[in-house]
Amino acid sequence: MKTDEKTLRRIHTMSFASVYPLYVAKAEKKGRTKAELHQVITWLTGFDDAHIARHVEQETTFEEFFADAHLNENAPLIKGVICGVRVEDIDDPVMQQVRYLDKLVDELAKGKAIEKILRS
């Protein structure tokens, strides 16, 4: 699916730090922990807690965040709809990676087992 340029530019330049607290709140509101959220982020990106904290502190953009990541080889197994769009149909790599992360956080908040979220 092709996303308009204005939306792509906005997502690419949005800071990870601006969305991270929302991810934490969403997970905790549903009874999940920050540690579980970090486990999901680590699986997708290869970042440990220190790397996640650095990206939050430095307010890196999503484009920089995913450029620094070592995306899990099983990330393409993340399928489904987020914000009304199938993640597997997104053409722009950064937008798709952001939506992968959104999908994983949604699954965590919905109570899905970590083993299933991590597609192991």
Protein backbone atom coordinates (compact mmCIF):
# COMPACT_ATOMS: atom_id res chain seq x y z
CA MET A 1 0.00 0.00 0.00
CA LYS A 2 1.31 3.40 -0.96
CA THR A 3 1.24 6.09 1.75
CA ASP A 4 1.13 9.77 0.84
CA GLU A 5 4.40 11.71 1.08
CA LYS A 6 3.20 14.08 3.81
CA THR A 7 2.30 11.18 6.11
CA LEU A 8 5.57 9.39 5.35
CA ARG A 9 7.60 12.51 6.13
CA ARG A 10 5.70 12.98 9.40
CA ILE A 11 6.27 9.36 10.50
CA HIS A 12 9.94 9.30 9.42
CA THR A 13 10.67 12.47 11.41
CA MET A 14 8.55 11.67 14.48
CA SER A 15 10.72 10.97 17.50
CA PHE A 16 10.67 7.54 19.07
CA ALA A 17 10.71 9.34 22.44
CA SER A 18 7.35 10.97 21.69
CA VAL A 19 5.66 7.59 21.18
CA TYR A 20 7.57 5.46 23.70
CA PRO A 21 5.63 6.70 26.78
CA LEU A 22 2.39 5.87 24.95
CA TYR A 23 3.65 2.32 24.34
CA VAL A 24 4.54 1.98 28.05
CA ALA A 25 1.16 3.38 29.15
CA LYS A 26 -0.75 1.11 26.77
CA ALA A 27 1.08 -1.98 27.99
CA GLU A 28 0.79 -1.10 31.69
CA LYS A 29 -2.87 -0.11 31.41
CA LYS A 30 -3.55 -3.65 30.23
CA GLY A 31 -1.54 -5.28 33.01
CA ARG A 32 1.68 -5.85 31.08
CA THR A 33 5.07 -4.61 32.25
CA LYS A 34 7.67 -2.26 30.87
CA ALA A 35 10.04 -5.24 30.91
CA GLU A 36 7.68 -7.14 28.61
CA LEU A 37 7.45 -4.11 26.33
CA HIS A 38 11.25 -3.96 26.20
CA GLN A 39 11.36 -7.68 25.41
CA VAL A 40 9.13 -7.03 22.39
CA ILE A 41 11.17 -4.01 21.25
CA THR A 42 14.39 -5.98 21.71
CA TRP A 43 13.07 -8.89 19.65
CA LEU A 44 12.13 -6.58 16.78
CA THR A 45 15.16 -4.25 16.82
CA GLY A 46 17.98 -6.06 18.60
CA PHE A 47 18.26 -3.15 21.07
CA ASP A 48 18.95 -3.83 24.73
CA ASP A 49 17.53 -1.63 27.50
CA ALA A 50 20.48 0.78 27.27
CA HIS A 51 19.97 1.26 23.52
CA ILE A 52 16.25 1.84 24.00
CA ALA A 53 16.99 4.41 26.73
CA ARG A 54 19.56 6.13 24.50
CA HIS A 55 17.05 6.47 21.66
CA VAL A 56 14.49 7.92 24.07
CA GLU A 57 17.03 10.31 25.62
CA GLN A 58 18.40 11.47 22.26
CA GLU A 59 14.90 11.76 20.78
CA THR A 60 15.94 9.97 17.61
CA THR A 61 13.47 9.92 14.78
CA PHE A 62 11.80 6.68 13.76
CA GLU A 63 13.94 6.77 10.61
CA GLU A 64 17.13 6.95 12.72
CA PHE A 65 15.75 4.42 15.22
CA PHE A 66 15.15 1.77 12.58
CA ALA A 67 18.34 2.62 10.66
CA ASP A 68 20.24 1.71 13.84
CA ALA A 69 18.22 -1.48 14.39
CA HIS A 70 19.03 -5.01 13.35
CA LEU A 71 15.52 -6.08 12.42
CA ASN A 72 14.64 -9.60 13.47
CA GLU A 73 14.66 -11.98 10.51
CA ASN A 74 11.16 -13.12 11.52
CA ALA A 75 9.70 -9.59 11.42
CA PRO A 76 7.99 -10.30 8.07
CA LEU A 77 5.91 -12.89 9.93
CA ILE A 78 4.12 -9.97 11.61
CA LYS A 79 0.82 -9.79 9.81
CA GLY A 80 -2.51 -8.15 10.39
CA VAL A 81 -4.21 -4.78 10.41
CA ILE A 82 -3.04 -1.71 12.28
CA CYS A 83 -4.73 1.66 11.78
CA GLY A 84 -6.88 0.08 9.09
CA VAL A 85 -3.91 -1.03 6.97
CA ARG A 86 -2.42 -4.50 6.56
CA VAL A 87 1.19 -4.27 7.75
CA GLU A 88 2.39 -6.76 5.14
CA ASP A 89 1.07 -4.48 2.35
CA ILE A 90 2.97 -1.33 3.37
CA ASP A 91 5.52 -0.31 0.72
CA ASP A 92 7.69 2.13 2.68
CA PRO A 93 10.22 0.20 4.83
CA VAL A 94 10.29 2.68 7.75
CA MET A 95 6.51 2.96 7.85
CA GLN A 96 6.25 -0.83 7.78
CA GLN A 97 8.75 -1.16 10.63
CA VAL A 98 6.85 1.42 12.71
CA ARG A 99 3.64 -0.52 12.08
CA TYR A 100 5.40 -3.79 13.00
CA LEU A 101 6.23 -2.21 16.36
CA ASP A 102 2.69 -0.87 16.74
CA LYS A 103 1.28 -4.32 15.99
CA LEU A 104 3.55 -5.99 18.54
CA VAL A 105 2.58 -3.46 21.22
CA ASP A 106 -1.11 -4.02 20.40
CA GLU A 107 -0.68 -7.77 20.73
CA LEU A 108 1.10 -7.30 24.06
CA ALA A 109 -1.69 -5.04 25.34
CA LYS A 110 -4.33 -7.54 24.21
CA GLY A 111 -2.78 -10.19 26.45
CA LYS A 112 -1.24 -12.37 23.78
CA ALA A 113 1.48 -14.71 25.09
CA ILE A 114 5.02 -13.38 24.65
CA GLU A 115 6.08 -16.56 22.80
CA LYS A 116 3.40 -15.93 20.17
CA ILE A 117 4.16 -12.20 19.91
CA LEU A 118 7.83 -12.99 19.28
CA ARG A 119 6.99 -15.43 16.50
CA SER A 120 9.54 -17.90 17.85
